[in-house]
């Protein structure tokens, strides 16, 4: 069996799916490996680090795709690259099945085995493969670092002979994996942290990290069976808006992380709320690509409204590509290992395995 990977569009994606550490593990399973020339050079990983492990390096990306039984990527291959894939080959990545239905159907019709890792079930056995959690952890951390860097006041409380500098007040919107890491990071840096989420189950997690959980009276637990947030009722949204409108008057920094799988991100921070925030406040919106949690979020632009900076990037993990690649490659390896038949050393599509059944695009 041969496993391959080619470089992503470097303007959009700097992460890689196979690190030298993980190449060694694939080799131990009996895989041959082939990757693009200069595959990891932008991360400081030279081709020689792969070659010494027996990895083949090729300049011809089309040939890599043709010769590989399994392709591991970050996102969906470009149309011209996807067209090369043939029956019984396997493609694994974060393929965004909600927005790429047409392209993925073409591959399904060609009988290519396609697995999209953001569809992994929330079960214990899948935790080591959970790319959403590993990457969201880093995104939550980096969102705090970026917003603090753009905030023109000190973060922790400082007591000096000249007077006291108050601690910055941070609100985290959405207490999933990214939100919880944002809370933890902001607390470690000395901020006073508040958080809100439609899932009441997150209250205990927020408080365990030292955050103060904001909730509306009579709140319901808006959580799917898979542990994700679901859309709130109009009544709940109105109560939440009233609570936020009052809270935001004293908040310095907002980290937005609220997403609903397969849907546009909910607009939680409205124009009137931003207009009432303090001058110099900063909002970092991790939901920017899905439309954003604020009324003014724009992808890859810092928008200023009423002296409030609103930031949103297409891929914040491009600012942490080494750490992100390391975790992603480990998640990917664990998934591939689960797919591999230990006796035949070939990919086995066992639909009785919940992990395989849920992630296979049909």
Protein backbone atom coordinates (compact mmCIF):
# COMPACT_ATOMS: atom_id res chain seq x y z
CA UNK A 1 0.00 0.00 0.00
CA UNK A 2 1.24 3.45 -0.88
CA UNK A 3 0.19 6.62 0.90
CA UNK A 4 0.71 10.02 -0.71
CA UNK A 5 0.30 13.71 0.00
CA UNK A 6 0.85 16.84 -2.07
CA UNK A 7 1.28 20.46 -1.07
CA UNK A 8 -1.82 22.54 -0.46
CA UNK A 9 -2.35 26.02 -1.91
CA UNK A 10 0.25 27.82 0.21
CA UNK A 11 -1.70 31.10 0.21
CA UNK A 12 -4.59 29.38 1.96
CA UNK A 13 -3.05 26.46 3.81
CA UNK A 14 0.42 26.00 5.32
CA UNK A 15 -0.26 22.84 7.31
CA UNK A 16 0.90 19.42 6.10
CA UNK A 17 -0.63 15.97 6.64
CA UNK A 18 2.56 13.90 7.04
CA UNK A 19 5.41 14.99 9.33
CA UNK A 20 8.69 13.03 9.56
CA UNK A 21 7.60 11.70 12.97
CA UNK A 22 4.41 10.31 11.44
CA UNK A 23 6.15 9.09 8.27
CA UNK A 24 8.13 6.76 10.53
CA UNK A 25 4.85 5.40 11.95
CA UNK A 26 3.35 4.80 8.49
CA UNK A 27 6.51 2.91 7.58
CA UNK A 28 6.07 0.71 10.65
CA UNK A 29 2.63 -0.26 9.33
CA UNK A 30 4.16 -1.30 6.00
CA UNK A 31 3.17 1.72 3.91
CA UNK A 32 5.28 3.12 1.12
CA UNK A 33 5.14 6.94 1.21
CA UNK A 34 5.41 9.51 -1.55
CA UNK A 35 5.18 13.30 -1.12
CA UNK A 36 5.80 16.49 -3.11
CA UNK A 37 9.24 18.00 -3.38
CA UNK A 38 9.79 20.67 -0.69
CA UNK A 39 6.72 19.31 1.08
CA UNK A 40 7.66 20.69 4.49
CA UNK A 41 10.38 23.20 3.64
CA UNK A 42 8.14 26.18 4.54
CA UNK A 43 7.95 24.68 8.06
CA UNK A 44 11.69 24.17 8.31
CA UNK A 45 11.43 20.46 7.43
CA UNK A 46 13.86 19.55 4.63
CA UNK A 47 13.36 16.76 2.09
CA UNK A 48 16.37 14.91 3.50
CA UNK A 49 14.49 14.40 6.77
CA UNK A 50 11.93 12.38 4.81
CA UNK A 51 14.41 10.65 2.51
CA UNK A 52 16.38 9.21 5.41
CA UNK A 53 13.15 7.46 6.47
CA UNK A 54 12.67 5.93 3.03
CA UNK A 55 10.04 8.40 1.82
CA UNK A 56 9.93 8.99 -1.95
CA UNK A 57 10.02 12.62 -3.09
CA UNK A 58 8.52 13.64 -6.43
CA UNK A 59 8.20 16.85 -8.44
CA UNK A 60 5.22 15.41 -10.33
CA UNK A 61 2.09 15.86 -8.20
CA UNK A 62 -0.12 14.17 -10.78
CA UNK A 63 2.06 11.08 -10.60
CA UNK A 64 1.87 11.12 -6.79
CA UNK A 65 -1.93 11.02 -7.00
CA UNK A 66 -1.96 8.32 -9.69
CA UNK A 67 0.44 6.05 -7.83
CA UNK A 68 -1.05 6.34 -4.33
CA UNK A 69 -3.63 4.00 -2.85
CA UNK A 70 -4.41 6.55 -0.15
CA UNK A 71 -4.13 10.35 -0.38
CA UNK A 72 -4.04 12.28 2.90
CA UNK A 73 -4.63 16.03 2.64
CA UNK A 74 -5.83 19.03 4.62
CA UNK A 75 -8.66 19.97 2.27
CA UNK A 76 -10.26 18.79 -0.95
CA UNK A 77 -7.93 18.50 -3.92
CA UNK A 78 -8.39 21.07 -6.70
CA UNK A 79 -10.72 20.04 -9.52
CA UNK A 80 -7.92 19.12 -11.91
CA UNK A 81 -6.19 17.06 -9.21
CA UNK A 82 -9.45 15.40 -8.10
CA UNK A 83 -10.13 14.34 -11.68
CA UNK A 84 -7.03 12.12 -11.52
CA UNK A 85 -8.43 10.00 -8.68
CA UNK A 86 -9.81 6.64 -9.79
CA UNK A 87 -11.95 3.81 -8.49
CA UNK A 88 -10.87 2.23 -5.18
CA UNK A 89 -8.41 5.00 -4.33
CA UNK A 90 -8.95 6.64 -0.95
CA UNK A 91 -8.95 10.36 -0.15
CA UNK A 92 -8.92 11.53 3.48
CA UNK A 93 -9.02 15.11 4.77
CA UNK A 94 -11.19 17.91 6.09
CA UNK A 95 -13.29 18.06 2.95
CA UNK A 96 -16.11 20.42 4.00
CA UNK A 97 -18.94 18.17 2.73
CA UNK A 98 -21.59 20.83 3.36
CA UNK A 99 -20.07 23.22 0.79
CA UNK A 100 -18.41 20.73 -1.57
CA UNK A 101 -21.37 18.46 -2.32
CA UNK A 102 -21.05 18.64 -6.10
CA UNK A 103 -17.32 17.87 -6.23
CA UNK A 104 -17.60 15.09 -3.66
CA UNK A 105 -20.52 13.47 -5.51
CA UNK A 106 -18.38 13.28 -8.65
CA UNK A 107 -15.77 11.34 -6.69
CA UNK A 108 -18.39 9.08 -5.09
CA UNK A 109 -19.78 8.34 -8.56
CA UNK A 110 -16.25 7.31 -9.62
CA UNK A 111 -16.22 4.94 -6.61
CA UNK A 112 -13.40 6.76 -4.86
CA UNK A 113 -13.43 6.13 -1.10
CA UNK A 114 -13.75 9.56 0.52
CA UNK A 115 -13.49 10.24 4.25
CA UNK A 116 -14.12 13.67 5.76
CA UNK A 117 -12.69 13.86 9.26
CA UNK A 118 -14.88 16.69 10.55
CA UNK A 119 -17.72 14.11 10.55
CA UNK A 120 -16.06 11.94 13.20
CA UNK A 121 -18.52 10.82 15.89
CA UNK A 122 -18.09 12.10 19.43
CA UNK A 123 -17.09 8.75 20.93
CA UNK A 124 -14.15 7.80 23.12
CA UNK A 125 -12.50 5.62 20.48
CA UNK A 126 -12.41 8.53 18.01
CA UNK A 127 -10.76 11.04 20.35
CA UNK A 128 -7.24 10.33 19.07
CA UNK A 129 -8.47 11.10 15.53
CA UNK A 130 -10.45 14.23 16.40
CA UNK A 131 -8.95 16.88 14.13
CA UNK A 132 -11.64 19.43 15.03
CA UNK A 133 -10.66 19.40 18.69
CA UNK A 134 -6.89 19.42 18.17
CA UNK A 135 -7.04 22.29 15.70
CA UNK A 136 -9.72 24.24 17.60
CA UNK A 137 -7.53 24.13 20.71
CA UNK A 138 -4.76 25.93 18.86
CA UNK A 139 -7.20 28.34 17.21
CA UNK A 140 -8.69 29.36 20.57
CA UNK A 141 -5.24 29.99 22.00
CA UNK A 142 -4.04 31.99 18.99
CA UNK A 143 -7.22 34.09 18.81
CA UNK A 144 -6.50 35.34 22.33
CA UNK A 145 -2.86 36.11 21.48
CA UNK A 146 -3.87 38.02 18.33
CA UNK A 147 -6.60 40.03 20.05
CA UNK A 148 -4.37 40.90 23.01
CA UNK A 149 -1.64 42.05 20.60
CA UNK A 150 -4.14 44.48 19.06
CA UNK A 151 -5.49 45.75 22.39
CA UNK A 152 -3.69 48.90 23.42
CA UNK A 153 -3.92 48.43 27.17
CA UNK A 154 -2.35 46.01 29.65
CA UNK A 155 -4.11 42.67 30.18
CA UNK A 156 -3.45 41.82 33.87
CA UNK A 157 -4.17 44.13 36.79
CA UNK A 158 -1.02 46.04 37.71
CA UNK A 159 -0.53 47.94 40.95
CA UNK A 160 2.12 50.63 40.82
CA UNK A 161 3.13 53.69 42.82
CA UNK A 162 1.53 55.75 40.05
CA UNK A 163 -1.77 53.97 40.37
CA UNK A 164 -3.56 50.74 39.45
CA UNK A 165 -4.12 49.45 35.92
CA UNK A 166 -7.34 47.39 35.91
CA UNK A 167 -7.41 43.90 34.39
CA UNK A 168 -8.89 43.59 30.90
CA UNK A 169 -12.36 42.05 30.72
CA UNK A 170 -12.77 39.31 28.09
CA UNK A 171 -15.97 37.70 26.83
CA UNK A 172 -15.76 34.35 25.02
CA UNK A 173 -18.81 33.61 22.87
CA UNK A 174 -19.19 29.86 22.49
CA UNK A 175 -17.62 27.46 25.00
CA UNK A 176 -16.65 24.56 22.77
CA UNK A 177 -13.05 23.38 22.44
CA UNK A 178 -11.80 26.70 20.95
CA UNK A 179 -13.78 28.73 23.47
CA UNK A 180 -12.54 26.77 26.48
CA UNK A 181 -8.93 27.14 25.35
CA UNK A 182 -9.53 30.86 24.84
CA UNK A 183 -10.86 31.11 28.41
CA UNK A 184 -7.87 29.24 29.81
CA UNK A 185 -5.36 31.33 27.83
CA UNK A 186 -6.97 34.65 28.76
CA UNK A 187 -7.08 33.67 32.44
CA UNK A 188 -3.41 32.65 32.41
CA UNK A 189 -2.56 36.10 31.10
CA UNK A 190 -4.43 37.82 33.90
CA UNK A 191 -7.72 38.83 32.28
CA UNK A 192 -11.15 38.68 33.92
CA UNK A 193 -13.06 36.23 31.73
CA UNK A 194 -16.77 35.80 31.03
CA UNK A 195 -18.30 33.24 28.67
CA UNK A 196 -21.65 32.44 27.14
CA UNK A 197 -22.98 29.39 25.32
CA UNK A 198 -26.39 27.99 24.41
CA UNK A 199 -25.33 24.62 25.85
CA UNK A 200 -25.92 24.64 29.60
CA UNK A 201 -23.59 21.65 29.91
CA UNK A 202 -20.68 24.02 29.26
CA UNK A 203 -21.35 26.07 32.44
CA UNK A 204 -19.37 23.72 34.69
CA UNK A 205 -16.46 23.60 32.22
CA UNK A 206 -16.30 27.40 32.00
CA UNK A 207 -16.33 27.79 35.77
CA UNK A 208 -13.68 25.09 36.25
CA UNK A 209 -11.32 27.29 34.21
CA UNK A 210 -12.05 30.36 36.30
CA UNK A 211 -14.53 31.95 33.88
CA UNK A 212 -17.87 33.48 34.81
CA UNK A 213 -20.75 31.90 32.88
CA UNK A 214 -23.41 34.25 31.55
CA UNK A 215 -26.82 32.80 30.93
CA UNK A 216 -30.36 34.04 30.49
CA UNK A 217 -33.24 33.24 32.82
CA UNK A 218 -34.99 30.00 31.92
CA UNK A 219 -32.20 28.94 29.57
CA UNK A 220 -32.68 25.64 27.77
CA UNK A 221 -29.89 23.24 26.86
CA UNK A 222 -29.48 23.69 23.10
CA UNK A 223 -27.19 20.75 22.43
CA UNK A 224 -27.30 18.01 19.80
CA UNK A 225 -26.70 14.35 20.59
CA UNK A 226 -23.19 14.80 19.20
CA UNK A 227 -22.42 17.55 21.69
CA UNK A 228 -22.61 20.46 19.23
CA UNK A 229 -24.71 23.60 19.58
CA UNK A 230 -28.04 23.77 17.79
CA UNK A 231 -30.04 26.79 16.70
CA UNK A 232 -31.82 28.73 19.44
CA UNK A 233 -35.46 29.82 19.49
CA UNK A 234 -36.41 33.43 18.73
CA UNK A 235 -37.33 33.94 22.40
CA UNK A 236 -33.96 32.68 23.61
CA UNK A 237 -32.12 34.83 21.06
CA UNK A 238 -33.97 37.94 22.28
CA UNK A 239 -33.11 37.25 25.93
CA UNK A 240 -29.49 36.55 25.00
CA UNK A 241 -29.28 39.79 22.99
CA UNK A 242 -30.55 41.83 25.94
CA UNK A 243 -28.02 40.22 28.29
CA UNK A 244 -25.13 40.72 25.85
CA UNK A 245 -26.08 44.31 25.05
CA UNK A 246 -25.74 45.22 28.72
CA UNK A 247 -22.62 43.09 29.35
CA UNK A 248 -20.67 44.39 26.35
CA UNK A 249 -20.67 47.95 27.67
CA UNK A 250 -17.93 46.90 30.11
CA UNK A 251 -16.10 44.27 27.98
CA UNK A 252 -12.70 45.06 26.42
CA UNK A 253 -12.13 42.00 24.23
CA UNK A 254 -14.51 39.49 22.65
CA UNK A 255 -13.46 36.10 21.25
CA UNK A 256 -16.20 34.68 19.00
CA UNK A 257 -16.24 30.92 18.41
CA UNK A 258 -19.93 30.08 17.89
CA UNK A 259 -20.60 27.70 14.99
CA UNK A 260 -23.47 25.44 13.94
CA UNK A 261 -22.27 22.51 11.75
CA UNK A 262 -23.47 22.81 8.16
CA UNK A 263 -25.03 26.26 8.65
CA UNK A 264 -24.04 29.89 8.47
CA UNK A 265 -22.55 31.15 11.72
CA UNK A 266 -25.13 32.91 13.93
CA UNK A 267 -24.78 36.70 14.14
CA UNK A 268 -24.61 37.20 17.91
CA UNK A 269 -22.82 40.55 18.25
CA UNK A 270 -25.17 43.07 16.62
CA UNK A 271 -24.46 46.60 15.38
CA UNK A 272 -26.12 48.30 18.37
CA UNK A 273 -24.00 46.23 20.76
CA UNK A 274 -20.77 47.25 19.03
CA UNK A 275 -21.86 50.89 19.06
CA UNK A 276 -22.14 50.72 22.85
CA UNK A 277 -18.73 49.12 23.43
CA UNK A 278 -15.78 51.07 24.78
CA UNK A 279 -13.44 52.73 22.30
CA UNK A 280 -10.33 50.62 21.76
CA UNK A 281 -12.12 47.31 22.30
CA UNK A 282 -11.17 44.33 20.13
CA UNK A 283 -13.27 41.50 18.69
CA UNK A 284 -11.62 38.40 17.21
CA UNK A 285 -14.10 36.30 15.20
CA UNK A 286 -13.07 32.67 14.66
CA UNK A 287 -16.32 32.11 12.77
CA UNK A 288 -15.38 34.58 10.01
CA UNK A 289 -15.26 32.04 7.16
CA UNK A 290 -18.77 30.82 8.02
CA UNK A 291 -20.13 34.37 7.89
CA UNK A 292 -19.01 35.58 11.30
CA UNK A 293 -20.59 36.06 14.72
CA UNK A 294 -20.65 39.86 14.36
CA UNK A 295 -22.54 42.19 12.07
CA UNK A 296 -19.34 43.54 10.52
CA UNK A 297 -16.91 40.62 10.30
CA UNK A 298 -14.94 40.39 7.05
CA UNK A 299 -12.53 37.59 6.15
CA UNK A 300 -8.84 38.54 6.34
CA UNK A 301 -9.61 42.17 7.17
CA UNK A 302 -9.56 44.24 10.34
CA UNK A 303 -12.71 46.35 10.29
CA UNK A 304 -13.06 49.33 12.62
CA UNK A 305 -16.53 50.39 13.77
CA UNK A 306 -17.08 53.03 16.45
CA UNK A 307 -13.37 52.69 17.41
CA UNK A 308 -13.81 48.91 17.92
CA UNK A 309 -11.50 46.60 15.95
CA UNK A 310 -13.18 43.52 14.45
CA UNK A 311 -10.75 40.84 13.23
CA UNK A 312 -11.42 37.67 11.28
CA UNK A 313 -9.06 35.41 9.34
CA UNK A 314 -9.61 32.65 6.81
CA UNK A 315 -7.21 30.33 8.57
CA UNK A 316 -5.68 31.42 11.87
CA UNK A 317 -3.80 28.10 12.01
CA UNK A 318 -1.50 29.41 9.26
CA UNK A 319 0.07 31.38 12.11
CA UNK A 320 0.79 28.14 14.01
CA UNK A 321 1.48 25.74 11.12
CA UNK A 322 4.19 23.68 12.84
CA UNK A 323 2.14 22.87 15.94
CA UNK A 324 -1.05 22.46 13.90
CA UNK A 325 0.65 20.09 11.42
CA UNK A 326 2.08 17.98 14.22
CA UNK A 327 -1.36 17.42 15.77
CA UNK A 328 -3.18 17.03 12.45
CA UNK A 329 -0.69 14.43 11.20
CA UNK A 330 -1.13 12.40 14.41
CA UNK A 331 -4.92 12.53 14.12
CA UNK A 332 -4.69 11.47 10.48
CA UNK A 333 -2.35 8.56 11.24
CA UNK A 334 -4.70 7.24 13.93
CA UNK A 335 -7.58 7.34 11.46
CA UNK A 336 -5.62 5.55 8.72
CA UNK A 337 -4.42 2.92 11.19
CA UNK A 338 -8.06 2.22 12.09
CA UNK A 339 -8.87 1.78 8.38
CA UNK A 340 -6.06 -0.67 7.76
CA UNK A 341 -6.79 -4.39 7.85
CA UNK A 342 -4.04 -5.81 10.04
CA UNK A 343 -3.90 -9.13 8.15
CA UNK A 344 -4.11 -8.04 4.51
CA UNK A 345 -2.38 -4.67 5.10
CA UNK A 346 -5.01 -3.05 2.87
CA UNK A 347 -7.73 -0.45 3.44
CA UNK A 348 -10.91 -2.09 4.69
CA UNK A 349 -14.23 -0.23 4.54
CA UNK A 350 -15.99 -1.79 7.52
CA UNK A 351 -19.33 -0.02 7.79
CA UNK A 352 -20.03 -1.72 11.11
CA UNK A 353 -17.32 0.52 12.56
CA UNK A 354 -19.09 3.75 13.59
CA UNK A 355 -15.98 5.83 12.89
CA UNK A 356 -15.75 4.60 9.31
CA UNK A 357 -19.49 4.69 8.68
CA UNK A 358 -19.91 8.29 9.91
CA UNK A 359 -16.93 9.75 8.03
CA UNK A 360 -17.41 7.98 4.69
CA UNK A 361 -19.02 10.24 2.09
CA UNK A 362 -21.75 8.24 0.39
